[in-house]
Amino acid sequence: MTIDDIMRAAPVIPVLVLDGDEDWATFAETFVSAGLPVLEVTLRSPAALGAIRQMSQVPGAIVGAGTVLNEHQLGQAIDAGSRFIVAPGLTESLTAAALKADIPYLPGVATAGDIMRGLDLGLDRFKFFPAQAAGGIPALKALTGPFAEPRFCPTGGITPANAQEWLALDAVLCVGQSWLYRGPEDTLPEVAERARAAAELKG
């Protein structure tokens, strides 16, 4: 799959901070059954790589690693079974490593300069991050004016209340949302209900 294929697989990519020793395979099955097959597990906890290993075995799940900051983490994520890589920003070194590894890659951008550097490196699919803090929908509309080809996955401050508005933008293929799983206090039925609602969102 290309990064474009992954971004078009569902309107919402759950951005997951996972911790503890849980049955993450069942967790992934819950999202896949609800209609959200693409799952971003952020490398912000000691459990992240183990969770990716478990979740990547689930049929239909497209599991990737987020908050990848350097080539070492890139290698760890790929070894754990990640099928795509998400970074909070755009650097030449990490981009080169991701291209060399031939893995779908979604770096974060927030400015016209970021997008131009990405285009120079051969990329045209980006995470717009932090979406709300970087100016929200007006900022992305302004940024997409000079650039015809790039498409985006806004992440950061995307909520059930504003997701539809983001998805209505021509340049937006999907959005990243962290509210679908808020921590160990969430039950699987609660997660499934939120995921089903998110899967029904359309631009």
Protein backbone atom coordinates (compact mmCIF):
# COMPACT_ATOMS: atom_id res chain seq x y z
CA MET A 1 0.00 0.00 0.00
CA THR A 2 1.06 3.58 -0.63
CA ILE A 3 0.58 6.34 1.89
CA ASP A 4 -2.24 7.62 -0.34
CA ASP A 5 -3.97 4.22 -0.13
CA ILE A 6 -3.64 4.25 3.64
CA MET A 7 -5.00 7.79 3.97
CA ARG A 8 -8.02 6.89 1.83
CA ALA A 9 -8.81 3.66 3.70
CA ALA A 10 -11.01 5.42 6.29
CA PRO A 11 -11.97 8.99 7.17
CA VAL A 12 -10.35 8.80 10.60
CA ILE A 13 -7.02 7.42 11.79
CA PRO A 14 -7.08 6.74 15.54
CA VAL A 15 -3.95 8.18 17.14
CA LEU A 16 -3.29 5.87 20.06
CA VAL A 17 -1.15 6.23 23.18
CA LEU A 18 -1.09 2.70 24.58
CA ASP A 19 0.37 1.66 27.89
CA GLY A 20 0.28 -1.37 30.12
CA ASP A 21 0.07 -5.07 29.42
CA GLU A 22 -3.24 -5.37 27.58
CA ASP A 23 -4.67 -7.60 24.87
CA TRP A 24 -3.89 -5.15 22.11
CA ALA A 25 -4.88 -7.62 19.37
CA THR A 26 -8.48 -7.62 20.62
CA PHE A 27 -8.25 -3.84 20.83
CA ALA A 28 -7.24 -3.67 17.16
CA GLU A 29 -10.03 -6.08 16.21
CA THR A 30 -12.50 -3.68 17.83
CA PHE A 31 -11.38 -0.82 15.57
CA VAL A 32 -11.26 -2.95 12.43
CA SER A 33 -14.76 -4.31 13.07
CA ALA A 34 -16.03 -0.76 13.59
CA GLY A 35 -14.69 0.34 10.21
CA LEU A 36 -11.40 1.99 11.16
CA PRO A 37 -8.63 -0.33 9.91
CA VAL A 38 -5.79 2.22 9.97
CA LEU A 39 -4.27 2.57 13.45
CA GLU A 40 -1.41 4.86 14.47
CA VAL A 41 0.34 3.74 17.66
CA THR A 42 2.52 6.54 18.96
CA LEU A 43 5.98 5.70 20.28
CA ARG A 44 5.30 7.61 23.48
CA SER A 45 5.11 4.69 25.89
CA PRO A 46 7.17 1.59 26.70
CA ALA A 47 4.29 -0.61 25.54
CA ALA A 48 4.07 0.89 22.04
CA LEU A 49 6.33 -1.50 20.12
CA GLY A 50 4.82 -4.56 21.79
CA ALA A 51 1.35 -3.27 20.99
CA ILE A 52 2.32 -2.80 17.35
CA ARG A 53 3.59 -6.39 17.24
CA GLN A 54 0.28 -7.71 18.56
CA MET A 55 -1.98 -5.45 16.53
CA SER A 56 -0.15 -6.00 13.25
CA GLN A 57 -1.17 -9.68 13.39
CA VAL A 58 -4.88 -8.82 13.25
CA PRO A 59 -6.45 -9.48 9.82
CA GLY A 60 -7.52 -6.26 8.18
CA ALA A 61 -5.54 -4.00 10.51
CA ILE A 62 -3.14 -1.50 8.94
CA VAL A 63 -0.93 -0.62 11.90
CA GLY A 64 1.67 2.13 11.83
CA ALA A 65 3.95 3.93 14.24
CA GLY A 66 3.56 7.59 15.13
CA THR A 67 5.80 10.11 16.87
CA VAL A 68 8.79 8.60 15.06
CA LEU A 69 11.64 11.06 15.57
CA ASN A 70 14.77 9.46 14.14
CA GLU A 71 16.22 6.60 12.10
CA HIS A 72 16.67 4.38 15.17
CA GLN A 73 12.97 4.58 16.04
CA LEU A 74 12.13 4.03 12.37
CA GLY A 75 14.03 0.74 12.44
CA GLN A 76 12.38 -0.33 15.68
CA ALA A 77 8.92 0.46 14.29
CA ILE A 78 9.54 -1.49 11.08
CA ASP A 79 10.93 -4.47 13.03
CA ALA A 80 7.77 -4.46 15.18
CA GLY A 81 5.58 -4.79 12.08
CA SER A 82 4.62 -1.20 11.30
CA ARG A 83 3.20 -0.77 7.81
CA PHE A 84 3.53 3.01 7.78
CA ILE A 85 5.39 5.73 9.66
CA VAL A 86 4.13 9.07 10.96
CA ALA A 87 6.43 11.84 12.19
CA PRO A 88 5.47 15.08 13.98
CA GLY A 89 7.74 17.11 11.72
CA LEU A 90 9.77 16.90 8.53
CA THR A 91 13.54 16.33 8.54
CA GLU A 92 15.79 15.35 5.65
CA SER A 93 17.51 12.57 7.60
CA LEU A 94 14.33 10.77 8.66
CA THR A 95 12.75 11.28 5.24
CA ALA A 96 15.80 9.76 3.53
CA ALA A 97 15.72 6.79 5.90
CA ALA A 98 12.00 6.21 5.32
CA LEU A 99 12.40 6.41 1.55
CA LYS A 100 15.35 4.01 1.69
CA ALA A 101 13.25 1.59 3.75
CA ASP A 102 10.47 1.90 1.15
CA ILE A 103 7.77 2.30 3.78
CA PRO A 104 4.77 4.65 3.49
CA TYR A 105 5.70 7.83 5.32
CA LEU A 106 3.60 10.75 6.59
CA PRO A 107 5.66 13.61 8.05
CA GLY A 108 4.19 16.59 9.86
CA VAL A 109 4.09 20.04 8.29
CA ALA A 110 2.75 23.35 9.54
CA THR A 111 4.11 25.99 7.13
CA ALA A 112 4.59 26.65 3.42
CA GLY A 113 8.32 26.14 3.92
CA ASP A 114 7.69 22.68 5.39
CA ILE A 115 5.57 21.73 2.38
CA MET A 116 8.17 23.04 -0.07
CA ARG A 117 10.92 21.02 1.64
CA GLY A 118 8.71 17.94 1.51
CA LEU A 119 8.00 18.44 -2.18
CA ASP A 120 11.73 18.85 -2.83
CA LEU A 121 12.27 15.49 -1.12
CA GLY A 122 9.67 13.81 -3.32
CA LEU A 123 6.74 13.80 -0.87
CA ASP A 124 3.20 15.08 -1.45
CA ARG A 125 1.25 13.51 1.43
CA PHE A 126 1.56 15.19 4.82
CA LYS A 127 0.21 15.33 8.35
CA PHE A 128 -0.91 18.90 9.10
CA PHE A 129 0.20 19.23 12.69
CA PRO A 130 -0.68 20.63 15.16
CA ALA A 131 -3.80 21.36 13.14
CA GLN A 132 -5.78 23.63 15.45
CA ALA A 133 -2.77 25.32 17.06
CA ALA A 134 -1.23 25.96 13.62
CA GLY A 135 -4.22 28.05 12.59
CA GLY A 136 -6.98 25.54 11.99
CA ILE A 137 -9.03 25.30 8.82
CA PRO A 138 -8.29 28.89 7.66
CA ALA A 139 -4.56 28.18 7.82
CA LEU A 140 -4.80 24.95 5.84
CA LYS A 141 -7.03 26.60 3.23
CA ALA A 142 -4.43 29.36 2.83
CA LEU A 143 -1.57 26.84 2.60
CA THR A 144 -3.26 24.72 -0.04
CA GLY A 145 -3.73 27.71 -2.34
CA PRO A 146 -0.19 27.68 -3.80
CA PHE A 147 0.11 23.87 -3.79
CA ALA A 148 -2.12 21.78 -6.04
CA GLU A 149 -0.80 18.27 -5.40
CA PRO A 150 -0.31 17.81 -1.63
CA ARG A 151 -3.00 16.09 0.43
CA PHE A 152 -3.22 16.15 4.20
CA CYS A 153 -4.21 14.34 7.36
CA PRO A 154 -4.86 17.10 9.93
CA THR A 155 -4.06 15.98 13.46
CA GLY A 156 -4.10 17.86 16.74
CA GLY A 157 -7.29 19.36 18.12
CA ILE A 158 -9.57 17.36 15.81
CA THR A 159 -12.77 16.53 17.69
CA PRO A 160 -16.16 14.94 16.94
CA ALA A 161 -17.51 18.48 16.67
CA ASN A 162 -15.10 19.73 13.99
CA ALA A 163 -13.96 16.57 12.16
CA GLN A 164 -16.66 16.83 9.49
CA GLU A 165 -15.64 20.39 8.64
CA TRP A 166 -12.00 19.32 8.17
CA LEU A 167 -12.99 16.34 6.04
CA ALA A 168 -15.03 18.60 3.75
CA LEU A 169 -11.82 20.26 2.52
CA ASP A 170 -10.68 18.99 -0.89
CA ALA A 171 -7.07 18.72 0.28
CA VAL A 172 -7.94 16.57 3.30
CA LEU A 173 -8.05 12.80 2.80
CA CYS A 174 -8.51 11.85 6.45
CA VAL A 175 -8.04 13.20 9.97
CA GLY A 176 -6.13 11.90 12.96
CA GLN A 177 -8.02 11.74 16.26
CA SER A 178 -6.77 10.91 19.74
CA TRP A 179 -10.17 10.99 21.51
CA LEU A 180 -11.25 7.55 20.28
CA TYR A 181 -9.25 5.91 23.08
CA ARG A 182 -8.63 7.99 26.19
CA GLY A 183 -6.94 5.42 28.41
CA PRO A 184 -7.44 2.27 30.48
CA GLU A 185 -10.70 3.60 31.89
CA ASP A 186 -12.32 3.12 28.46
CA THR A 187 -14.15 -0.14 27.85
CA LEU A 188 -14.06 -1.88 24.47
CA PRO A 189 -17.79 -1.23 23.88
CA GLU A 190 -17.18 2.49 24.47
CA VAL A 191 -14.24 2.47 22.06
CA ALA A 192 -16.30 0.56 19.49
CA GLU A 193 -19.17 3.05 19.70
CA ARG A 194 -16.87 6.02 19.13
CA ALA A 195 -15.07 4.22 16.32
CA ARG A 196 -18.32 3.38 14.51
CA ALA A 197 -19.39 7.03 14.68
CA ALA A 198 -16.01 8.15 13.35
CA ALA A 199 -16.11 5.61 10.50
CA GLU A 200 -19.37 7.14 9.29
CA LEU A 201 -17.87 10.61 8.88
CA LYS A 202 -17.55 11.83 5.30
CA GLY A 203 -16.21 14.89 3.65
